[in-house]
Amino acid sequence: MKAQFKNHISLTKKEWNGMVVLLLLIASALAAPYVYQCFSKDTTINVTEFKSDIAALDNAGRKSSNSLKTSRTPLFKFNPNTAASADWQKLGITMKQAETIKNYIKNGGRFRKVDDLKKIYGLTTSDYERLAPYVVIPEEKVAAKALVELNSADSARLTSVEGVGPAFAKRIIYYRERLGGFVAKEQLKEVYGIDELKYKEIVGQVRVDAGNIRKLNINTVSFDKLHLLPYLNYKQVNAIIEYRNQHGNYTSLNDLKNIAIIDEGILRKIEPYLIYK
């Protein structure tokens, strides 16, 4: 039995050599990937360089497109404030860009100089450089505006003054009513919210006709009406009324100087608004 088993598993020298060669081939096949990795390195993609290359290709495509657009689009002189959408499209501007420009003008926008084209959203630098030499904007003649008279102007007229909106117009009229009218433009600084900067903005657009002010008869005026004058406080108004009750009618501003709590500065302010009858 043992002899028969040996006969079955015994190998000849030729068979043994063949098996050794086969094992070597299998080992080489298994080891080949590892050997390849040792001697060969994968090329790593640089994402930054890749994006840069894509951007360069895109930019080159735009330049080519713009160059093609320029060569195919006959340019002509135009006024951007009056050009129709069709005119813009003839100049190589897309319909969407033309609509943006027309909406800008419709909403009060205006091209006053060539550089104003840069304000338009969607208009590229190359479009601007291509169109700029053909822009023609006629010089606008601005008519001199009539000065607004502070003592007679209503709210609508006051809002025509640059820098004066509805809120300031309302405050100016309210203060004017308390005063009885303005005798000098400088009194605008006494209106709530009008500081030195705001005053400088509007002073050149207004004038004052002091003949339109409303005066108070110091000898008959009531406490409530006299108290409307913004230059007098409660105690000062009360002192004027009491002095009149005790000493009779006032004949001039000098009589008011006898009231201790009213100084020269206040007297100068209230003098234009008083009469003595």
C-alpha atoms as a PDB file:
ATOM      1  CA  MET A   1       0.000   0.000   0.000  1.00  0.00           C
ATOM      2  CA  LYS A   2       2.783   2.404   0.961  1.00  0.00           C
ATOM      3  CA  ALA A   3       4.696   1.549  -2.147  1.00  0.00           C
ATOM      4  CA  GLN A   4       1.682   2.228  -4.328  1.00  0.00           C
ATOM      5  CA  PHE A   5       1.152   5.672  -2.658  1.00  0.00           C
ATOM      6  CA  LYS A   6       4.814   6.600  -3.318  1.00  0.00           C
ATOM      7  CA  ASN A   7       4.397   5.647  -6.926  1.00  0.00           C
ATOM      8  CA  HIS A   8       1.418   8.021  -7.245  1.00  0.00           C
ATOM      9  CA  ILE A   9       3.068  11.102  -5.662  1.00  0.00           C
ATOM     10  CA  SER A  10       6.622  10.663  -6.862  1.00  0.00           C
ATOM     11  CA  LEU A  11       7.874  13.147  -9.464  1.00  0.00           C
ATOM     12  CA  THR A  12      10.412  12.847 -12.104  1.00  0.00           C
ATOM     13  CA  LYS A  13      13.268  15.353 -12.328  1.00  0.00           C
ATOM     14  CA  LYS A  14      11.678  16.930 -15.386  1.00  0.00           C
ATOM     15  CA  GLU A  15       8.320  17.307 -13.611  1.00  0.00           C
ATOM     16  CA  TRP A  16      10.055  18.790 -10.566  1.00  0.00           C
ATOM     17  CA  ASN A  17      11.861  21.388 -12.670  1.00  0.00           C
ATOM     18  CA  GLY A  18       8.583  22.312 -14.379  1.00  0.00           C
ATOM     19  CA  MET A  19       6.904  22.823 -11.016  1.00  0.00           C
ATOM     20  CA  VAL A  20       9.732  25.079  -9.795  1.00  0.00           C
ATOM     21  CA  VAL A  21       9.454  27.222 -12.947  1.00  0.00           C
ATOM     22  CA  LEU A  22       5.673  27.471 -12.483  1.00  0.00           C
ATOM     23  CA  LEU A  23       6.043  28.570  -8.861  1.00  0.00           C
ATOM     24  CA  LEU A  24       8.582  31.192  -9.873  1.00  0.00           C
ATOM     25  CA  LEU A  25       6.215  32.550 -12.531  1.00  0.00           C
ATOM     26  CA  ILE A  26       3.338  32.768 -10.015  1.00  0.00           C
ATOM     27  CA  ALA A  27       5.560  34.528  -7.470  1.00  0.00           C
ATOM     28  CA  SER A  28       6.737  37.009 -10.136  1.00  0.00           C
ATOM     29  CA  ALA A  29       3.138  37.761 -11.175  1.00  0.00           C
ATOM     30  CA  LEU A  30       2.131  38.406  -7.562  1.00  0.00           C
ATOM     31  CA  ALA A  31       5.161  40.590  -6.856  1.00  0.00           C
ATOM     32  CA  ALA A  32       4.972  42.618 -10.083  1.00  0.00           C
ATOM     33  CA  PRO A  33       2.436  45.310  -8.835  1.00  0.00           C
ATOM     34  CA  TYR A  34       4.533  46.011  -5.741  1.00  0.00           C
ATOM     35  CA  VAL A  35       7.717  46.275  -7.750  1.00  0.00           C
ATOM     36  CA  TYR A  36       5.977  48.648 -10.198  1.00  0.00           C
ATOM     37  CA  GLN A  37       4.798  50.920  -7.354  1.00  0.00           C
ATOM     38  CA  CYS A  38       8.336  51.142  -6.017  1.00  0.00           C
ATOM     39  CA  PHE A  39       9.795  52.309  -9.305  1.00  0.00           C
ATOM     40  CA  SER A  40       6.852  54.359 -10.635  1.00  0.00           C
ATOM     41  CA  LYS A  41       5.201  57.420  -8.955  1.00  0.00           C
ATOM     42  CA  ASP A  42       1.669  58.612  -9.837  1.00  0.00           C
ATOM     43  CA  THR A  43       1.451  62.160 -11.177  1.00  0.00           C
ATOM     44  CA  THR A  44      -0.560  64.321  -8.723  1.00  0.00           C
ATOM     45  CA  ILE A  45      -2.924  66.869 -10.308  1.00  0.00           C
ATOM     46  CA  ASN A  46      -2.340  70.435  -9.052  1.00  0.00           C
ATOM     47  CA  VAL A  47      -5.878  71.806  -8.551  1.00  0.00           C
ATOM     48  CA  THR A  48      -4.718  75.442  -8.531  1.00  0.00           C
ATOM     49  CA  GLU A  49      -2.848  75.062 -11.812  1.00  0.00           C
ATOM     50  CA  PHE A  50      -5.808  73.191 -13.277  1.00  0.00           C
ATOM     51  CA  LYS A  51      -8.215  76.011 -12.397  1.00  0.00           C
ATOM     52  CA  SER A  52      -5.739  78.574 -13.712  1.00  0.00           C
ATOM     53  CA  ASP A  53      -5.535  76.737 -17.023  1.00  0.00           C
ATOM     54  CA  ILE A  54      -9.341  76.569 -17.254  1.00  0.00           C
ATOM     55  CA  ALA A  55      -9.601  80.323 -16.544  1.00  0.00           C
ATOM     56  CA  ALA A  56      -6.975  81.055 -19.187  1.00  0.00           C
ATOM     57  CA  LEU A  57      -8.901  79.008 -21.732  1.00  0.00           C
ATOM     58  CA  ASP A  58     -12.150  80.781 -20.774  1.00  0.00           C
ATOM     59  CA  ASN A  59     -10.493  84.204 -21.060  1.00  0.00           C
ATOM     60  CA  ALA A  60      -9.035  83.288 -24.419  1.00  0.00           C
ATOM     61  CA  GLY A  61     -12.507  82.224 -25.532  1.00  0.00           C
ATOM     62  CA  ARG A  62     -13.987  85.567 -24.434  1.00  0.00           C
ATOM     63  CA  LYS A  63     -11.292  87.530 -26.210  1.00  0.00           C
ATOM     64  CA  SER A  64     -11.892  85.510 -29.313  1.00  0.00           C
ATOM     65  CA  SER A  65     -15.646  86.078 -29.006  1.00  0.00           C
ATOM     66  CA  ASN A  66     -15.207  89.812 -28.409  1.00  0.00           C
ATOM     67  CA  SER A  67     -12.785  90.040 -31.320  1.00  0.00           C
ATOM     68  CA  LEU A  68     -15.323  88.291 -33.500  1.00  0.00           C
ATOM     69  CA  LYS A  69     -18.083  90.609 -32.219  1.00  0.00           C
ATOM     70  CA  THR A  70     -15.947  93.672 -32.955  1.00  0.00           C
ATOM     71  CA  SER A  71     -15.118  92.559 -36.432  1.00  0.00           C
ATOM     72  CA  ARG A  72     -18.735  91.808 -37.270  1.00  0.00           C
ATOM     73  CA  THR A  73     -20.423  94.816 -35.532  1.00  0.00           C
ATOM     74  CA  PRO A  74     -20.303  98.139 -37.403  1.00  0.00           C
ATOM     75  CA  LEU A  75     -20.008 100.837 -34.720  1.00  0.00           C
ATOM     76  CA  PHE A  76     -21.493 104.333 -34.936  1.00  0.00           C
ATOM     77  CA  LYS A  77     -21.720 107.434 -32.762  1.00  0.00           C
ATOM     78  CA  PHE A  78     -24.622 107.426 -30.280  1.00  0.00           C
ATOM     79  CA  ASN A  79     -26.074 109.263 -27.282  1.00  0.00           C
ATOM     80  CA  PRO A  80     -26.551 106.711 -24.450  1.00  0.00           C
ATOM     81  CA  ASN A  81     -29.343 108.840 -22.950  1.00  0.00           C
ATOM     82  CA  THR A  82     -31.526 108.626 -26.061  1.00  0.00           C
ATOM     83  CA  ALA A  83     -30.388 105.438 -27.833  1.00  0.00           C
ATOM     84  CA  ALA A  84     -33.190 102.906 -28.350  1.00  0.00           C
ATOM     85  CA  SER A  85     -32.852  99.240 -27.349  1.00  0.00           C
ATOM     86  CA  ALA A  86     -32.490  98.353 -31.042  1.00  0.00           C
ATOM     87  CA  ASP A  87     -29.573 100.792 -31.345  1.00  0.00           C
ATOM     88  CA  TRP A  88     -27.790  99.172 -28.409  1.00  0.00           C
ATOM     89  CA  GLN A  89     -28.239  95.748 -29.967  1.00  0.00           C
ATOM     90  CA  LYS A  90     -26.836  97.005 -33.270  1.00  0.00           C
ATOM     91  CA  LEU A  91     -23.780  98.080 -31.277  1.00  0.00           C
ATOM     92  CA  GLY A  92     -23.271  94.498 -30.120  1.00  0.00           C
ATOM     93  CA  ILE A  93     -25.027  94.785 -26.741  1.00  0.00           C
ATOM     94  CA  THR A  94     -27.310  91.912 -25.789  1.00  0.00           C
ATOM     95  CA  MET A  95     -31.058  92.425 -25.417  1.00  0.00           C
ATOM     96  CA  LYS A  96     -30.781  91.856 -21.640  1.00  0.00           C
ATOM     97  CA  GLN A  97     -28.029  94.481 -21.305  1.00  0.00           C
ATOM     98  CA  ALA A  98     -30.061  96.918 -23.424  1.00  0.00           C
ATOM     99  CA  GLU A  99     -33.065  96.427 -21.117  1.00  0.00           C
ATOM    100  CA  THR A 100     -30.858  97.086 -18.083  1.00  0.00           C
ATOM    101  CA  ILE A 101     -29.680 100.379 -19.615  1.00  0.00           C
ATOM    102  CA  LYS A 102     -33.227 101.488 -20.518  1.00  0.00           C
ATOM    103  CA  ASN A 103     -34.446 100.668 -16.985  1.00  0.00           C
ATOM    104  CA  TYR A 104     -31.557 102.705 -15.561  1.00  0.00           C
ATOM    105  CA  ILE A 105     -32.686 105.744 -17.585  1.00  0.00           C
ATOM    106  CA  LYS A 106     -36.366 105.114 -16.827  1.00  0.00           C
ATOM    107  CA  ASN A 107     -35.641 105.181 -13.083  1.00  0.00           C
ATOM    108  CA  GLY A 108     -33.971 108.587 -13.270  1.00  0.00           C
ATOM    109  CA  GLY A 109     -30.429 107.557 -14.162  1.00  0.00           C
ATOM    110  CA  ARG A 110     -28.512 109.677 -16.633  1.00  0.00           C
ATOM    111  CA  PHE A 111     -25.210 109.464 -18.467  1.00  0.00           C
ATOM    112  CA  ARG A 112     -23.394 112.755 -17.909  1.00  0.00           C
ATOM    113  CA  LYS A 113     -19.949 111.538 -18.969  1.00  0.00           C
ATOM    114  CA  VAL A 114     -18.556 108.564 -20.868  1.00  0.00           C
ATOM    115  CA  ASP A 115     -17.307 106.852 -17.694  1.00  0.00           C
ATOM    116  CA  ASP A 116     -20.917 106.577 -16.480  1.00  0.00           C
ATOM    117  CA  LEU A 117     -21.279 103.573 -18.798  1.00  0.00           C
ATOM    118  CA  LYS A 118     -19.241 101.632 -16.246  1.00  0.00           C
ATOM    119  CA  LYS A 119     -22.173 101.919 -13.817  1.00  0.00           C
ATOM    120  CA  ILE A 120     -24.271  99.557 -15.922  1.00  0.00           C
ATOM    121  CA  TYR A 121     -24.415  96.084 -14.438  1.00  0.00           C
ATOM    122  CA  GLY A 122     -23.435  93.416 -16.939  1.00  0.00           C
ATOM    123  CA  LEU A 123     -21.557  95.731 -19.295  1.00  0.00           C
ATOM    124  CA  THR A 124     -18.072  94.238 -19.592  1.00  0.00           C
ATOM    125  CA  THR A 125     -14.805  96.142 -19.673  1.00  0.00           C
ATOM    126  CA  SER A 126     -14.268  95.100 -23.270  1.00  0.00           C
ATOM    127  CA  ASP A 127     -17.756  96.397 -24.187  1.00  0.00           C
ATOM    128  CA  TYR A 128     -16.928  99.729 -22.552  1.00  0.00           C
ATOM    129  CA  GLU A 129     -13.572 100.037 -24.302  1.00  0.00           C
ATOM    130  CA  ARG A 130     -15.196  99.171 -27.609  1.00  0.00           C
ATOM    131  CA  LEU A 131     -18.092 101.666 -27.285  1.00  0.00           C
ATOM    132  CA  ALA A 132     -16.441 104.562 -25.397  1.00  0.00           C
ATOM    133  CA  PRO A 133     -14.907 106.250 -28.495  1.00  0.00           C
ATOM    134  CA  TYR A 134     -18.359 106.446 -30.103  1.00  0.00           C
ATOM    135  CA  VAL A 135     -20.271 107.947 -27.145  1.00  0.00           C
ATOM    136  CA  VAL A 136     -21.608 111.460 -27.750  1.00  0.00           C
ATOM    137  CA  ILE A 137     -23.241 113.261 -24.792  1.00  0.00           C
ATOM    138  CA  PRO A 138     -24.460 116.797 -25.652  1.00  0.00           C
ATOM    139  CA  GLU A 139     -23.619 119.430 -23.068  1.00  0.00           C
ATOM    140  CA  GLU A 140     -26.655 120.140 -20.904  1.00  0.00           C
ATOM    141  CA  LYS A 141     -27.687 123.721 -20.337  1.00  0.00           C
ATOM    142  CA  VAL A 142     -29.003 124.098 -16.814  1.00  0.00           C
ATOM    143  CA  ALA A 143     -31.398 126.985 -16.363  1.00  0.00           C
ATOM    144  CA  ALA A 144     -30.818 129.105 -13.295  1.00  0.00           C
ATOM    145  CA  LYS A 145     -33.385 128.267 -10.643  1.00  0.00           C
ATOM    146  CA  ALA A 146     -35.372 131.053  -9.025  1.00  0.00           C
ATOM    147  CA  LEU A 147     -34.613 131.536  -5.341  1.00  0.00           C
ATOM    148  CA  VAL A 148     -37.317 130.293  -2.978  1.00  0.00           C
ATOM    149  CA  GLU A 149     -38.752 133.003  -0.701  1.00  0.00           C
ATOM    150  CA  LEU A 150     -38.912 131.532   2.790  1.00  0.00           C
ATOM    151  CA  ASN A 151     -41.852 133.535   4.143  1.00  0.00           C
ATOM    152  CA  SER A 152     -44.302 132.809   1.333  1.00  0.00           C
ATOM    153  CA  ALA A 153     -43.282 129.369   0.056  1.00  0.00           C
ATOM    154  CA  ASP A 154     -45.586 126.443   0.704  1.00  0.00           C
ATOM    155  CA  SER A 155     -44.394 122.925   1.440  1.00  0.00           C
ATOM    156  CA  ALA A 156     -44.226 121.923  -2.236  1.00  0.00           C
ATOM    157  CA  ARG A 157     -42.143 124.987  -3.116  1.00  0.00           C
ATOM    158  CA  LEU A 158     -39.758 124.374  -0.237  1.00  0.00           C
ATOM    159  CA  THR A 159     -39.116 120.791  -1.333  1.00  0.00           C
ATOM    160  CA  SER A 160     -37.862 122.123  -4.670  1.00  0.00           C
ATOM    161  CA  VAL A 161     -34.795 123.316  -2.744  1.00  0.00           C
ATOM    162  CA  GLU A 162     -32.077 120.678  -3.004  1.00  0.00           C
ATOM    163  CA  GLY A 163     -31.485 119.236   0.449  1.00  0.00           C
ATOM    164  CA  VAL A 164     -34.992 120.028   1.723  1.00  0.00           C
ATOM    165  CA  GLY A 165     -37.356 117.084   1.820  1.00  0.00           C
ATOM    166  CA  PRO A 166     -40.943 116.931   3.139  1.00  0.00           C
ATOM    167  CA  ALA A 167     -39.776 116.599   6.760  1.00  0.00           C
ATOM    168  CA  PHE A 168     -37.524 119.684   6.628  1.00  0.00           C
ATOM    169  CA  ALA A 169     -40.204 121.646   4.739  1.00  0.00           C
ATOM    170  CA  LYS A 170     -42.701 120.870   7.502  1.00  0.00           C
ATOM    171  CA  ARG A 171     -40.257 121.962  10.220  1.00  0.00           C
ATOM    172  CA  ILE A 172     -39.391 125.186   8.398  1.00  0.00           C
ATOM    173  CA  ILE A 173     -43.057 126.137   8.022  1.00  0.00           C
ATOM    174  CA  TYR A 174     -43.797 125.277  11.676  1.00  0.00           C
ATOM    175  CA  TYR A 175     -40.899 127.415  12.897  1.00  0.00           C
ATOM    176  CA  ARG A 176     -41.886 130.230  10.511  1.00  0.00           C
ATOM    177  CA  GLU A 177     -45.392 130.264  11.999  1.00  0.00           C
ATOM    178  CA  ARG A 178     -44.021 130.480  15.525  1.00  0.00           C
ATOM    179  CA  LEU A 179     -41.718 133.330  14.581  1.00  0.00           C
ATOM    180  CA  GLY A 180     -44.162 135.223  12.422  1.00  0.00           C
ATOM    181  CA  GLY A 181     -41.701 134.904   9.532  1.00  0.00           C
ATOM    182  CA  PHE A 182     -37.968 134.953   8.889  1.00  0.00           C
ATOM    183  CA  VAL A 183     -36.093 138.243   8.921  1.00  0.00           C
ATOM    184  CA  ALA A 184     -32.754 136.617   7.962  1.00  0.00           C
ATOM    185  CA  LYS A 185     -31.693 133.383   6.288  1.00  0.00           C
ATOM    186  CA  GLU A 186     -29.454 132.589   9.253  1.00  0.00           C
ATOM    187  CA  GLN A 187     -32.585 131.818  11.293  1.00  0.00           C
ATOM    188  CA  LEU A 188     -32.843 128.559   9.374  1.00  0.00           C
ATOM    189  CA  LYS A 189     -30.103 127.256  11.678  1.00  0.00           C
ATOM    190  CA  GLU A 190     -32.660 127.488  14.493  1.00  0.00           C
ATOM    191  CA  VAL A 191     -34.891 124.934  12.762  1.00  0.00           C
ATOM    192  CA  TYR A 192     -34.525 121.482  14.287  1.00  0.00           C
ATOM    193  CA  GLY A 193     -32.141 119.329  12.244  1.00  0.00           C
ATOM    194  CA  ILE A 194     -30.588 122.109  10.154  1.00  0.00           C
ATOM    195  CA  ASP A 195     -26.946 122.186  11.176  1.00  0.00           C
ATOM    196  CA  GLU A 196     -24.143 124.245   9.648  1.00  0.00           C
ATOM    197  CA  LEU A 197     -23.555 121.681   6.879  1.00  0.00           C
ATOM    198  CA  LYS A 198     -27.232 121.515   5.893  1.00  0.00           C
ATOM    199  CA  TYR A 199     -27.498 125.312   6.056  1.00  0.00           C
ATOM    200  CA  LYS A 200     -24.585 125.728   3.624  1.00  0.00           C
ATOM    201  CA  GLU A 201     -26.291 123.273   1.279  1.00  0.00           C
ATOM    202  CA  ILE A 202     -29.535 125.266   1.028  1.00  0.00           C
ATOM    203  CA  VAL A 203     -28.637 128.894   1.815  1.00  0.00           C
ATOM    204  CA  GLY A 204     -27.766 129.740  -1.800  1.00  0.00           C
ATOM    205  CA  GLN A 205     -31.185 128.576  -2.990  1.00  0.00           C
ATOM    206  CA  VAL A 206     -33.384 130.723  -0.749  1.00  0.00           C
ATOM    207  CA  ARG A 207     -34.095 134.370  -0.024  1.00  0.00           C
ATOM    208  CA  VAL A 208     -35.996 136.302   2.647  1.00  0.00           C
ATOM    209  CA  ASP A 209     -38.528 139.091   2.232  1.00  0.00           C
ATOM    210  CA  ALA A 210     -38.715 140.583   5.719  1.00  0.00           C
ATOM    211  CA  GLY A 211     -41.714 142.634   4.634  1.00  0.00           C
ATOM    212  CA  ASN A 212     -43.788 139.473   4.900  1.00  0.00           C
ATOM    213  CA  ILE A 213     -43.294 138.910   8.631  1.00  0.00           C
ATOM    214  CA  ARG A 214     -46.189 139.046  11.075  1.00  0.00           C
ATOM    215  CA  LYS A 215     -45.684 141.485  13.984  1.00  0.00           C
ATOM    216  CA  LEU A 216     -47.133 141.438  17.484  1.00  0.00           C
ATOM    217  CA  ASN A 217     -48.554 144.454  19.302  1.00  0.00           C
ATOM    218  CA  ILE A 218     -46.692 144.196  22.580  1.00  0.00           C
ATOM    219  CA  ASN A 219     -49.425 146.243  24.334  1.00  0.00           C
ATOM    220  CA  THR A 220     -52.325 143.943  23.441  1.00  0.00           C
ATOM    221  CA  VAL A 221     -50.781 140.541  22.764  1.00  0.00           C
ATOM    222  CA  SER A 222     -51.926 137.698  25.008  1.00  0.00           C
ATOM    223  CA  PHE A 223     -49.637 135.472  27.015  1.00  0.00           C
ATOM    224  CA  ASP A 224     -50.277 132.455  24.753  1.00  0.00           C
ATOM    225  CA  LYS A 225     -49.478 134.290  21.515  1.00  0.00           C
ATOM    226  CA  LEU A 226     -46.367 135.953  22.905  1.00  0.00           C
ATOM    227  CA  HIS A 227     -45.197 132.600  24.232  1.00  0.00           C
ATOM    228  CA  LEU A 228     -45.108 131.291  20.648  1.00  0.00           C
ATOM    229  CA  LEU A 229     -42.001 133.372  20.002  1.00  0.00           C
ATOM    230  CA  PRO A 230     -39.193 130.793  20.305  1.00  0.00           C
ATOM    231  CA  TYR A 231     -36.830 133.375  21.816  1.00  0.00           C
ATOM    232  CA  LEU A 232     -38.862 133.868  25.013  1.00  0.00           C
ATOM    233  CA  ASN A 233     -39.347 131.324  27.784  1.00  0.00           C
ATOM    234  CA  TYR A 234     -42.305 131.088  30.167  1.00  0.00           C
ATOM    235  CA  LYS A 235     -40.818 133.360  32.864  1.00  0.00           C
ATOM    236  CA  GLN A 236     -39.798 136.045  30.369  1.00  0.00           C
ATOM    237  CA  VAL A 237     -43.247 136.168  28.757  1.00  0.00           C
ATOM    238  CA  ASN A 238     -44.866 136.350  32.187  1.00  0.00           C
ATOM    239  CA  ALA A 239     -42.521 139.206  33.192  1.00  0.00           C
ATOM    240  CA  ILE A 240     -43.438 141.200  30.033  1.00  0.00           C
ATOM    241  CA  ILE A 241     -47.173 140.822  30.708  1.00  0.00           C
ATOM    242  CA  GLU A 242     -46.801 141.687  34.420  1.00  0.00           C
ATOM    243  CA  TYR A 243     -44.657 144.750  33.688  1.00  0.00           C
ATOM    244  CA  ARG A 244     -47.306 145.951  31.225  1.00  0.00           C
ATOM    245  CA  ASN A 245     -50.045 145.452  33.808  1.00  0.00           C
ATOM    246  CA  GLN A 246     -48.102 147.401  36.424  1.00  0.00           C
ATOM    247  CA  HIS A 247     -46.603 150.222  34.321  1.00  0.00           C
ATOM    248  CA  GLY A 248     -48.971 150.572  31.393  1.00  0.00           C
ATOM    249  CA  ASN A 249     -48.253 150.337  27.687  1.00  0.00           C
ATOM    250  CA  TYR A 250     -44.774 150.014  26.260  1.00  0.00           C
ATOM    251  CA  THR A 251     -43.652 152.903  24.068  1.00  0.00           C
ATOM    252  CA  SER A 252     -40.409 151.437  22.687  1.00  0.00           C
ATOM    253  CA  LEU A 253     -37.863 148.674  23.065  1.00  0.00           C
ATOM    254  CA  ASN A 254     -36.157 150.709  25.785  1.00  0.00           C
ATOM    255  CA  ASP A 255     -39.074 149.980  28.142  1.00  0.00           C
ATOM    256  CA  LEU A 256     -38.395 146.259  27.789  1.00  0.00           C
ATOM    257  CA  LYS A 257     -34.818 146.820  28.914  1.00  0.00           C
ATOM    258  CA  ASN A 258     -36.228 147.476  32.384  1.00  0.00           C
ATOM    259  CA  ILE A 259     -37.093 143.781  32.711  1.00  0.00           C
ATOM    260  CA  ALA A 260     -34.053 142.205  34.369  1.00  0.00           C
ATOM    261  CA  ILE A 261     -34.437 138.682  33.021  1.00  0.00           C
ATOM    262  CA  ILE A 262     -34.415 139.824  29.369  1.00  0.00           C
ATOM    263  CA  ASP A 263     -30.909 140.549  28.109  1.00  0.00           C
ATOM    264  CA  GLU A 264     -29.669 142.469  25.068  1.00  0.00           C
ATOM    265  CA  GLY A 265     -29.298 139.328  22.953  1.00  0.00           C
ATOM    266  CA  ILE A 266     -32.963 138.405  23.370  1.00  0.00           C
ATOM    267  CA  LEU A 267     -34.077 141.970  22.760  1.00  0.00           C
ATOM    268  CA  ARG A 268     -32.246 142.038  19.420  1.00  0.00           C
ATOM    269  CA  LYS A 269     -33.967 138.815  18.384  1.00  0.00           C
ATOM    270  CA  ILE A 270     -37.523 139.893  19.288  1.00  0.00           C
ATOM    271  CA  GLU A 271     -37.270 143.519  18.155  1.00  0.00           C
ATOM    272  CA  PRO A 272     -38.247 142.879  14.484  1.00  0.00           C
ATOM    273  CA  TYR A 273     -41.461 141.179  15.623  1.00  0.00           C
ATOM    274  CA  LEU A 274     -42.830 143.854  17.949  1.00  0.00           C
ATOM    275  CA  ILE A 275     -44.913 146.995  17.412  1.00  0.00           C
ATOM    276  CA  TYR A 276     -46.045 149.530  20.022  1.00  0.00           C
ATOM    277  CA  LYS A 277     -49.598 150.875  19.654  1.00  0.00           C
END
